[in-house]
Structures are given as structure tokens and as C-alpha cells.
């Protein structure tokens, strides 16, 4: 299986340039926030699928990033609302 090695400083810079917090990137990538921290602090390898997804998530236009942030906020608010009525766990 092909695995891509990405230097931690490049990984972090790409996340920051995309305007994403660690939490937002973790949500979009379906990772834990700890996984994002690992990629930002030590050289890790990701498989081709993860690398392609990371590239798509971090190389978007400002308009796409703004739309994504609005969507993430909407989803977060919806989950919190569902938690308050007991549909999902907090």
C-alpha cells in the first residue's frame, strides 16, 4: 500500500492556511484530535486515501472554507440540541 510521509511543519501549515482548527480538521477527516496533533508533532505516514482527502480538505478557496465553517457550526449546534433532549450523548 502506498503511504505518504508529510513533515509535521508542512502538515500544520497546510491546516492553518486552510483556516481550520485541529478540531475542525479532525471532524472533516474523521480522525480524533489526537491524530491531528500526532501529524503536527512527529513525521507520520498516511495512506493514499487519507493523503488525497487531506489535500482536498486543506486546498479549498476562501468561499469554500467559509461555507464549510458555517456547515460545521450548524452541525455542532444540531448535535448540541439533540444532546439536550437526550437523543445523543454529550
PDB file of N, CA and C in Angstrom:
ATOM      1  N   UNK A   1       0.842  -1.179   0.000  1.00  0.00           N
ATOM      2  CA  UNK A   1       0.000   0.000   0.000  1.00  0.00           C
ATOM      3  C   UNK A   1       0.886   1.241   0.000  1.00  0.00           C
ATOM      4  N   UNK A   2       0.534   2.212  -0.803  1.00  0.00           N
ATOM      5  CA  UNK A   2       1.267   3.467  -0.872  1.00  0.00           C
ATOM      6  C   UNK A   2       1.002   4.291   0.379  1.00  0.00           C
ATOM      7  N   UNK A   3       2.064   4.822   0.970  1.00  0.00           N
ATOM      8  CA  UNK A   3       1.934   5.688   2.136  1.00  0.00           C
ATOM      9  C   UNK A   3       2.767   6.940   1.885  1.00  0.00           C
ATOM     10  N   UNK A   4       2.202   8.080   2.220  1.00  0.00           N
ATOM     11  CA  UNK A   4       2.868   9.365   2.007  1.00  0.00           C
ATOM     12  C   UNK A   4       3.339   9.923   3.336  1.00  0.00           C
ATOM     13  N   UNK A   5       4.589  10.300   3.395  1.00  0.00           N
ATOM     14  CA  UNK A   5       5.165  10.911   4.592  1.00  0.00           C
ATOM     15  C   UNK A   5       5.068  12.427   4.430  1.00  0.00           C
ATOM     16  N   UNK A   6       4.568  13.088   5.444  1.00  0.00           N
ATOM     17  CA  UNK A   6       4.410  14.534   5.405  1.00  0.00           C
ATOM     18  C   UNK A   6       5.109  15.117   6.638  1.00  0.00           C
ATOM     19  N   UNK A   7       5.967  16.093   6.433  1.00  0.00           N
ATOM     20  CA  UNK A   7       6.672  16.702   7.559  1.00  0.00           C
ATOM     21  C   UNK A   7       5.671  17.441   8.446  1.00  0.00           C
ATOM     22  N   UNK A   8       5.859  17.365   9.765  1.00  0.00           N
ATOM     23  CA  UNK A   8       4.908  17.987  10.700  1.00  0.00           C
ATOM     24  C   UNK A   8       4.677  19.465  10.442  1.00  0.00           C
ATOM     25  N   UNK A   9       5.739  20.204  10.148  1.00  0.00           N
ATOM     26  CA  UNK A   9       5.570  21.646   9.936  1.00  0.00           C
ATOM     27  C   UNK A   9       4.761  21.946   8.670  1.00  0.00           C
ATOM     28  N   UNK A  10       4.879  21.110   7.653  1.00  0.00           N
ATOM     29  CA  UNK A  10       4.095  21.298   6.429  1.00  0.00           C
ATOM     30  C   UNK A  10       2.635  20.951   6.696  1.00  0.00           C
ATOM     31  N   UNK A  11       2.406  19.854   7.412  1.00  0.00           N
ATOM     32  CA  UNK A  11       1.049  19.449   7.770  1.00  0.00           C
ATOM     33  C   UNK A  11       0.352  20.579   8.526  1.00  0.00           C
ATOM     34  N   UNK A  12       1.017  21.113   9.573  1.00  0.00           N
ATOM     35  CA  UNK A  12       0.435  22.172  10.392  1.00  0.00           C
ATOM     36  C   UNK A  12       0.168  23.422   9.555  1.00  0.00           C
ATOM     37  N   UNK A  13       1.133  23.787   8.721  1.00  0.00           N
ATOM     38  CA  UNK A  13       0.990  24.985   7.888  1.00  0.00           C
ATOM     39  C   UNK A  13      -0.189  24.841   6.922  1.00  0.00           C
ATOM     40  N   UNK A  14      -0.364  23.662   6.353  1.00  0.00           N
ATOM     41  CA  UNK A  14      -1.491  23.441   5.437  1.00  0.00           C
ATOM     42  C   UNK A  14      -2.817  23.579   6.182  1.00  0.00           C
ATOM     43  N   UNK A  15      -2.882  23.030   7.402  1.00  0.00           N
ATOM     44  CA  UNK A  15      -4.112  23.155   8.201  1.00  0.00           C
ATOM     45  C   UNK A  15      -4.394  24.625   8.497  1.00  0.00           C
ATOM     46  N   UNK A  16      -3.366  25.337   8.941  1.00  0.00           N
ATOM     47  CA  UNK A  16      -3.533  26.748   9.277  1.00  0.00           C
ATOM     48  C   UNK A  16      -3.906  27.578   8.053  1.00  0.00           C
ATOM     49  N   UNK A  17      -3.260  27.334   6.921  1.00  0.00           N
ATOM     50  CA  UNK A  17      -3.572  28.067   5.692  1.00  0.00           C
ATOM     51  C   UNK A  17      -5.006  27.819   5.229  1.00  0.00           C
ATOM     52  N   UNK A  18      -5.515  26.646   5.554  1.00  0.00           N
ATOM     53  CA  UNK A  18      -6.904  26.333   5.195  1.00  0.00           C
ATOM     54  C   UNK A  18      -7.883  26.968   6.178  1.00  0.00           C
ATOM     55  N   UNK A  19      -7.358  27.585   7.242  1.00  0.00           N
ATOM     56  CA  UNK A  19      -8.226  28.237   8.212  1.00  0.00           C
ATOM     57  C   UNK A  19      -8.959  27.263   9.116  1.00  0.00           C
ATOM     58  N   UNK A  20      -8.371  26.085   9.334  1.00  0.00           N
ATOM     59  CA  UNK A  20      -9.034  25.053  10.126  1.00  0.00           C
ATOM     60  C   UNK A  20      -8.366  24.905  11.490  1.00  0.00           C
ATOM     61  N   UNK A  21      -9.187  24.729  12.504  1.00  0.00           N
ATOM     62  CA  UNK A  21      -8.654  24.374  13.812  1.00  0.00           C
ATOM     63  C   UNK A  21      -8.330  22.885  13.783  1.00  0.00           C
ATOM     64  N   UNK A  22      -7.627  22.419  14.797  1.00  0.00           N
ATOM     65  CA  UNK A  22      -7.349  20.984  14.884  1.00  0.00           C
ATOM     66  C   UNK A  22      -8.656  20.203  14.977  1.00  0.00           C
ATOM     67  N   UNK A  23      -9.579  20.728  15.755  1.00  0.00           N
ATOM     68  CA  UNK A  23     -10.875  20.060  15.936  1.00  0.00           C
ATOM     69  C   UNK A  23     -11.642  19.966  14.615  1.00  0.00           C
ATOM     70  N   UNK A  24     -11.645  21.061  13.852  1.00  0.00           N
ATOM     71  CA  UNK A  24     -12.350  21.068  12.564  1.00  0.00           C
ATOM     72  C   UNK A  24     -11.722  20.072  11.594  1.00  0.00           C
ATOM     73  N   UNK A  25     -10.396  20.059  11.526  1.00  0.00           N
ATOM     74  CA  UNK A  25      -9.727  19.115  10.630  1.00  0.00           C
ATOM     75  C   UNK A  25     -10.024  17.683  11.038  1.00  0.00           C
ATOM     76  N   UNK A  26      -9.985  17.418  12.326  1.00  0.00           N
ATOM     77  CA  UNK A  26     -10.290  16.064  12.812  1.00  0.00           C
ATOM     78  C   UNK A  26     -11.692  15.649  12.395  1.00  0.00           C
ATOM     79  N   UNK A  27     -12.649  16.554  12.528  1.00  0.00           N
ATOM     80  CA  UNK A  27     -14.028  16.251  12.145  1.00  0.00           C
ATOM     81  C   UNK A  27     -14.134  15.965  10.653  1.00  0.00           C
ATOM     82  N   UNK A  28     -13.510  16.806   9.842  1.00  0.00           N
ATOM     83  CA  UNK A  28     -13.578  16.623   8.390  1.00  0.00           C
ATOM     84  C   UNK A  28     -12.861  15.363   7.920  1.00  0.00           C
ATOM     85  N   UNK A  29     -11.797  14.991   8.615  1.00  0.00           N
ATOM     86  CA  UNK A  29     -11.022  13.821   8.218  1.00  0.00           C
ATOM     87  C   UNK A  29     -11.513  12.540   8.881  1.00  0.00           C
ATOM     88  N   UNK A  30     -12.446  12.667   9.821  1.00  0.00           N
ATOM     89  CA  UNK A  30     -12.943  11.528  10.592  1.00  0.00           C
ATOM     90  C   UNK A  30     -11.809  10.919  11.420  1.00  0.00           C
ATOM     91  N   UNK A  31     -11.037  11.802  12.060  1.00  0.00           N
ATOM     92  CA  UNK A  31      -9.939  11.438  12.944  1.00  0.00           C
ATOM     93  C   UNK A  31     -10.252  11.949  14.334  1.00  0.00           C
ATOM     94  N   UNK A  32      -9.453  11.526  15.290  1.00  0.00           N
ATOM     95  CA  UNK A  32      -9.508  12.152  16.608  1.00  0.00           C
ATOM     96  C   UNK A  32      -8.623  13.393  16.553  1.00  0.00           C
ATOM     97  N   UNK A  33      -8.832  14.302  17.488  1.00  0.00           N
ATOM     98  CA  UNK A  33      -7.972  15.481  17.542  1.00  0.00           C
ATOM     99  C   UNK A  33      -6.531  15.072  17.861  1.00  0.00           C
ATOM    100  N   UNK A  34      -6.375  13.975  18.599  1.00  0.00           N
ATOM    101  CA  UNK A  34      -5.050  13.456  18.905  1.00  0.00           C
ATOM    102  C   UNK A  34      -4.284  13.034  17.663  1.00  0.00           C
ATOM    103  N   UNK A  35      -4.991  12.510  16.676  1.00  0.00           N
ATOM    104  CA  UNK A  35      -4.339  12.130  15.416  1.00  0.00           C
ATOM    105  C   UNK A  35      -3.775  13.362  14.729  1.00  0.00           C
ATOM    106  N   UNK A  36      -4.538  14.451  14.732  1.00  0.00           N
ATOM    107  CA  UNK A  36      -4.059  15.696  14.132  1.00  0.00           C
ATOM    108  C   UNK A  36      -2.804  16.171  14.868  1.00  0.00           C
ATOM    109  N   UNK A  37      -2.836  16.119  16.202  1.00  0.00           N
ATOM    110  CA  UNK A  37      -1.666  16.516  16.997  1.00  0.00           C
ATOM    111  C   UNK A  37      -0.464  15.654  16.628  1.00  0.00           C
ATOM    112  N   UNK A  38      -0.667  14.351  16.479  1.00  0.00           N
ATOM    113  CA  UNK A  38       0.435  13.465  16.091  1.00  0.00           C
ATOM    114  C   UNK A  38       1.039  13.877  14.764  1.00  0.00           C
ATOM    115  N   UNK A  39       0.191  14.167  13.769  1.00  0.00           N
ATOM    116  CA  UNK A  39       0.707  14.574  12.464  1.00  0.00           C
ATOM    117  C   UNK A  39       1.462  15.895  12.552  1.00  0.00           C
ATOM    118  N   UNK A  40       1.082  16.754  13.510  1.00  0.00           N
ATOM    119  CA  UNK A  40       1.731  18.056  13.637  1.00  0.00           C
ATOM    120  C   UNK A  40       2.993  18.019  14.489  1.00  0.00           C
ATOM    121  N   UNK A  41       3.233  16.937  15.207  1.00  0.00           N
ATOM    122  CA  UNK A  41       4.386  16.898  16.100  1.00  0.00           C
ATOM    123  C   UNK A  41       5.434  15.860  15.719  1.00  0.00           C
ATOM    124  N   UNK A  42       5.054  14.879  14.935  1.00  0.00           N
ATOM    125  CA  UNK A  42       6.040  13.894  14.503  1.00  0.00           C
ATOM    126  C   UNK A  42       5.729  13.457  13.075  1.00  0.00           C
ATOM    127  N   UNK A  43       6.760  13.043  12.375  1.00  0.00           N
ATOM    128  CA  UNK A  43       6.590  12.644  10.989  1.00  0.00           C
ATOM    129  C   UNK A  43       5.842  11.323  10.924  1.00  0.00           C
ATOM    130  N   UNK A  44       4.646  11.362  10.404  1.00  0.00           N
ATOM    131  CA  UNK A  44       3.805  10.175  10.291  1.00  0.00           C
ATOM    132  C   UNK A  44       3.533   9.906   8.814  1.00  0.00           C
ATOM    133  N   UNK A  45       3.166   8.696   8.538  1.00  0.00           N
ATOM    134  CA  UNK A  45       2.785   8.337   7.177  1.00  0.00           C
ATOM    135  C   UNK A  45       1.272   8.159   7.117  1.00  0.00           C
ATOM    136  N   UNK A  46       0.678   8.624   6.029  1.00  0.00           N
ATOM    137  CA  UNK A  46      -0.752   8.386   5.827  1.00  0.00           C
ATOM    138  C   UNK A  46      -0.925   7.652   4.508  1.00  0.00           C
ATOM    139  N   UNK A  47      -1.961   6.822   4.455  1.00  0.00           N
ATOM    140  CA  UNK A  47      -2.177   6.080   3.218  1.00  0.00           C
ATOM    141  C   UNK A  47      -2.690   7.022   2.132  1.00  0.00           C
ATOM    142  N   UNK A  48      -2.703   6.551   0.927  1.00  0.00           N
ATOM    143  CA  UNK A  48      -3.045   7.377  -0.226  1.00  0.00           C
ATOM    144  C   UNK A  48      -4.428   8.000  -0.082  1.00  0.00           C
ATOM    145  N   UNK A  49      -5.410   7.234   0.376  1.00  0.00           N
ATOM    146  CA  UNK A  49      -6.765   7.762   0.538  1.00  0.00           C
ATOM    147  C   UNK A  49      -6.765   8.934   1.514  1.00  0.00           C
ATOM    148  N   UNK A  50      -6.113   8.763   2.678  1.00  0.00           N
ATOM    149  CA  UNK A  50      -6.068   9.838   3.673  1.00  0.00           C
ATOM    150  C   UNK A  50      -5.328  11.051   3.129  1.00  0.00           C
ATOM    151  N   UNK A  51      -4.240  10.816   2.411  1.00  0.00           N
ATOM    152  CA  UNK A  51      -3.465  11.917   1.845  1.00  0.00           C
ATOM    153  C   UNK A  51      -4.304  12.707   0.843  1.00  0.00           C
ATOM    154  N   UNK A  52      -5.009  12.016  -0.030  1.00  0.00           N
ATOM    155  CA  UNK A  52      -5.853  12.699  -1.015  1.00  0.00           C
ATOM    156  C   UNK A  52      -6.957  13.493  -0.319  1.00  0.00           C
ATOM    157  N   UNK A  53      -7.567  12.894   0.676  1.00  0.00           N
ATOM    158  CA  UNK A  53      -8.639  13.576   1.413  1.00  0.00           C
ATOM    159  C   UNK A  53      -8.083  14.812   2.125  1.00  0.00           C
ATOM    160  N   UNK A  54      -6.907  14.665   2.765  1.00  0.00           N
ATOM    161  CA  UNK A  54      -6.272  15.794   3.437  1.00  0.00           C
ATOM    162  C   UNK A  54      -6.003  16.925   2.441  1.00  0.00           C
ATOM    163  N   UNK A  55      -5.498  16.580   1.275  1.00  0.00           N
ATOM    164  CA  UNK A  55      -5.219  17.592   0.254  1.00  0.00           C
ATOM    165  C   UNK A  55      -6.501  18.297  -0.182  1.00  0.00           C
ATOM    166  N   UNK A  56      -7.578  17.553  -0.364  1.00  0.00           N
ATOM    167  CA  UNK A  56      -8.848  18.164  -0.772  1.00  0.00           C
ATOM    168  C   UNK A  56      -9.388  19.079   0.329  1.00  0.00           C
ATOM    169  N   UNK A  57      -9.279  18.643   1.572  1.00  0.00           N
ATOM    170  CA  UNK A  57      -9.805  19.418   2.693  1.00  0.00           C
ATOM    171  C   UNK A  57      -9.010  20.711   2.902  1.00  0.00           C
ATOM    172  N   UNK A  58      -7.704  20.664   2.682  1.00  0.00           N
ATOM    173  CA  UNK A  58      -6.864  21.821   3.004  1.00  0.00           C
ATOM    174  C   UNK A  58      -6.553  22.733   1.820  1.00  0.00           C
ATOM    175  N   UNK A  59      -6.989  22.390   0.635  1.00  0.00           N
ATOM    176  CA  UNK A  59      -6.692  23.235  -0.528  1.00  0.00           C
ATOM    177  C   UNK A  59      -7.975  23.703  -1.190  1.00  0.00           C
ATOM    178  N   UNK A  60      -8.744  24.454  -0.439  1.00  0.00           N
ATOM    179  CA  UNK A  60     -10.008  24.974  -0.953  1.00  0.00           C
ATOM    180  C   UNK A  60      -9.963  26.489  -1.001  1.00  0.00           C
ATOM    181  N   UNK A  61     -10.915  27.066  -1.688  1.00  0.00           N
ATOM    182  CA  UNK A  61     -10.986  28.522  -1.780  1.00  0.00           C
ATOM    183  C   UNK A  61     -11.535  29.107  -0.476  1.00  0.00           C
ATOM    184  N   UNK A  62     -11.377  30.412  -0.300  1.00  0.00           N
ATOM    185  CA  UNK A  62     -11.885  31.081   0.892  1.00  0.00           C
ATOM    186  C   UNK A  62     -13.396  30.905   1.001  1.00  0.00           C
ATOM    187  N   UNK A  63     -14.100  30.984  -0.106  1.00  0.00           N
ATOM    188  CA  UNK A  63     -15.551  30.816  -0.095  1.00  0.00           C
ATOM    189  C   UNK A  63     -15.938  29.418   0.380  1.00  0.00           C
ATOM    190  N   UNK A  64     -15.205  28.424  -0.106  1.00  0.00           N
ATOM    191  CA  UNK A  64     -15.477  27.056   0.326  1.00  0.00           C
ATOM    192  C   UNK A  64     -15.192  26.884   1.817  1.00  0.00           C
ATOM    193  N   UNK A  65     -14.100  27.491   2.282  1.00  0.00           N
ATOM    194  CA  UNK A  65     -13.778  27.405   3.711  1.00  0.00           C
ATOM    195  C   UNK A  65     -14.859  28.066   4.552  1.00  0.00           C
ATOM    196  N   UNK A  66     -15.340  29.230   4.112  1.00  0.00           N
ATOM    197  CA  UNK A  66     -16.392  29.918   4.859  1.00  0.00           C
ATOM    198  C   UNK A  66     -17.669  29.089   4.889  1.00  0.00           C
ATOM    199  N   UNK A  67     -18.009  28.489   3.757  1.00  0.00           N
ATOM    200  CA  UNK A  67     -19.194  27.624   3.701  1.00  0.00           C
ATOM    201  C   UNK A  67     -19.020  26.419   4.610  1.00  0.00           C
ATOM    202  N   UNK A  68     -17.823  25.830   4.605  1.00  0.00           N
ATOM    203  CA  UNK A  68     -17.543  24.671   5.438  1.00  0.00           C
ATOM    204  C   UNK A  68     -17.653  25.032   6.916  1.00  0.00           C
ATOM    205  N   UNK A  69     -17.136  26.215   7.300  1.00  0.00           N
ATOM    206  CA  UNK A  69     -17.220  26.640   8.700  1.00  0.00           C
ATOM    207  C   UNK A  69     -18.673  26.829   9.127  1.00  0.00           C
ATOM    208  N   UNK A  70     -19.481  27.396   8.248  1.00  0.00           N
ATOM    209  CA  UNK A  70     -20.908  27.560   8.566  1.00  0.00           C
ATOM    210  C   UNK A  70     -21.575  26.202   8.739  1.00  0.00           C
ATOM    211  N   UNK A  71     -21.235  25.270   7.870  1.00  0.00           N
ATOM    212  CA  UNK A  71     -21.804  23.930   7.962  1.00  0.00           C
ATOM    213  C   UNK A  71     -21.369  23.236   9.248  1.00  0.00           C
ATOM    214  N   UNK A  72     -20.087  23.343   9.593  1.00  0.00           N
ATOM    215  CA  UNK A  72     -19.593  22.733  10.831  1.00  0.00           C
ATOM    216  C   UNK A  72     -20.295  23.332  12.051  1.00  0.00           C
ATOM    217  N   UNK A  73     -20.506  24.635  12.046  1.00  0.00           N
ATOM    218  CA  UNK A  73     -21.203  25.284  13.163  1.00  0.00           C
ATOM    219  C   UNK A  73     -22.649  24.798  13.243  1.00  0.00           C
ATOM    220  N   UNK A  74     -23.303  24.688  12.097  1.00  0.00           N
ATOM    221  CA  UNK A  74     -24.683  24.204  12.060  1.00  0.00           C
ATOM    222  C   UNK A  74     -24.767  22.776  12.606  1.00  0.00           C
ATOM    223  N   UNK A  75     -23.845  21.915  12.172  1.00  0.00           N
ATOM    224  CA  UNK A  75     -23.830  20.520  12.633  1.00  0.00           C
ATOM    225  C   UNK A  75     -23.575  20.464  14.130  1.00  0.00           C
ATOM    226  N   UNK A  76     -22.621  21.254  14.604  1.00  0.00           N
ATOM    227  CA  UNK A  76     -22.301  21.281  16.032  1.00  0.00           C
ATOM    228  C   UNK A  76     -23.505  21.726  16.852  1.00  0.00           C
ATOM    229  N   UNK A  77     -24.178  22.769  16.393  1.00  0.00           N
ATOM    230  CA  UNK A  77     -25.367  23.256  17.097  1.00  0.00           C
ATOM    231  C   UNK A  77     -26.474  22.204  17.100  1.00  0.00           C
ATOM    232  N   UNK A  78     -26.652  21.518  15.986  1.00  0.00           N
ATOM    233  CA  UNK A  78     -27.685  20.482  15.896  1.00  0.00           C
ATOM    234  C   UNK A  78     -27.382  19.335  16.858  1.00  0.00           C
ATOM    235  N   UNK A  79     -26.120  18.939  16.947  1.00  0.00           N
ATOM    236  CA  UNK A  79     -25.734  17.859  17.863  1.00  0.00           C
ATOM    237  C   UNK A  79     -25.969  18.288  19.310  1.00  0.00           C
ATOM    238  N   UNK A  80     -25.608  19.523  19.641  1.00  0.00           N
ATOM    239  CA  UNK A  80     -25.830  20.022  21.000  1.00  0.00           C
ATOM    240  C   UNK A  80     -27.318  20.045  21.332  1.00  0.00           C
ATOM    241  N   UNK A  81     -28.119  20.444  20.372  1.00  0.00           N
ATOM    242  CA  UNK A  81     -29.573  20.476  20.579  1.00  0.00           C
ATOM    243  C   UNK A  81     -30.112  19.072  20.797  1.00  0.00           C
ATOM    244  N   UNK A  82     -29.652  18.113  20.010  1.00  0.00           N
ATOM    245  CA  UNK A  82     -30.075  16.730  20.176  1.00  0.00           C
ATOM    246  C   UNK A  82     -29.627  16.168  21.526  1.00  0.00           C
ATOM    247  N   UNK A  83     -28.466  16.593  21.990  1.00  0.00           N
ATOM    248  CA  UNK A  83     -27.958  16.142  23.280  1.00  0.00           C
ATOM    249  C   UNK A  83     -28.827  16.657  24.428  1.00  0.00           C
ATOM    250  N   UNK A  84     -29.295  17.885  24.286  1.00  0.00           N
ATOM    251  CA  UNK A  84     -30.119  18.454  25.367  1.00  0.00           C
ATOM    252  C   UNK A  84     -31.461  17.743  25.504  1.00  0.00           C
ATOM    253  N   UNK A  85     -31.945  17.146  24.450  1.00  0.00           N
ATOM    254  CA  UNK A  85     -33.220  16.415  24.554  1.00  0.00           C
ATOM    255  C   UNK A  85     -33.007  14.904  24.688  1.00  0.00           C
ATOM    256  N   UNK A  86     -31.725  14.518  24.809  1.00  0.00           N
ATOM    257  CA  UNK A  86     -31.411  13.120  25.091  1.00  0.00           C
ATOM    258  C   UNK A  86     -31.358  12.174  23.900  1.00  0.00           C
ATOM    259  N   UNK A  87     -31.335  12.708  22.693  1.00  0.00           N
ATOM    260  CA  UNK A  87     -31.267  11.849  21.514  1.00  0.00           C
ATOM    261  C   UNK A  87     -29.860  11.307  21.300  1.00  0.00           C
ATOM    262  N   UNK A  88     -28.848  12.126  21.596  1.00  0.00           N
ATOM    263  CA  UNK A  88     -27.452  11.696  21.522  1.00  0.00           C
ATOM    264  C   UNK A  88     -26.771  12.025  22.842  1.00  0.00           C
ATOM    265  N   UNK A  89     -25.654  11.346  23.121  1.00  0.00           N
ATOM    266  CA  UNK A  89     -24.901  11.626  24.342  1.00  0.00           C
ATOM    267  C   UNK A  89     -24.039  12.856  24.175  1.00  0.00           C
ATOM    268  N   UNK A  90     -23.866  13.596  25.265  1.00  0.00           N
ATOM    269  CA  UNK A  90     -22.998  14.778  25.241  1.00  0.00           C
ATOM    270  C   UNK A  90     -21.561  14.355  25.191  1.00  0.00           C
TER     271      UNK A  90
END
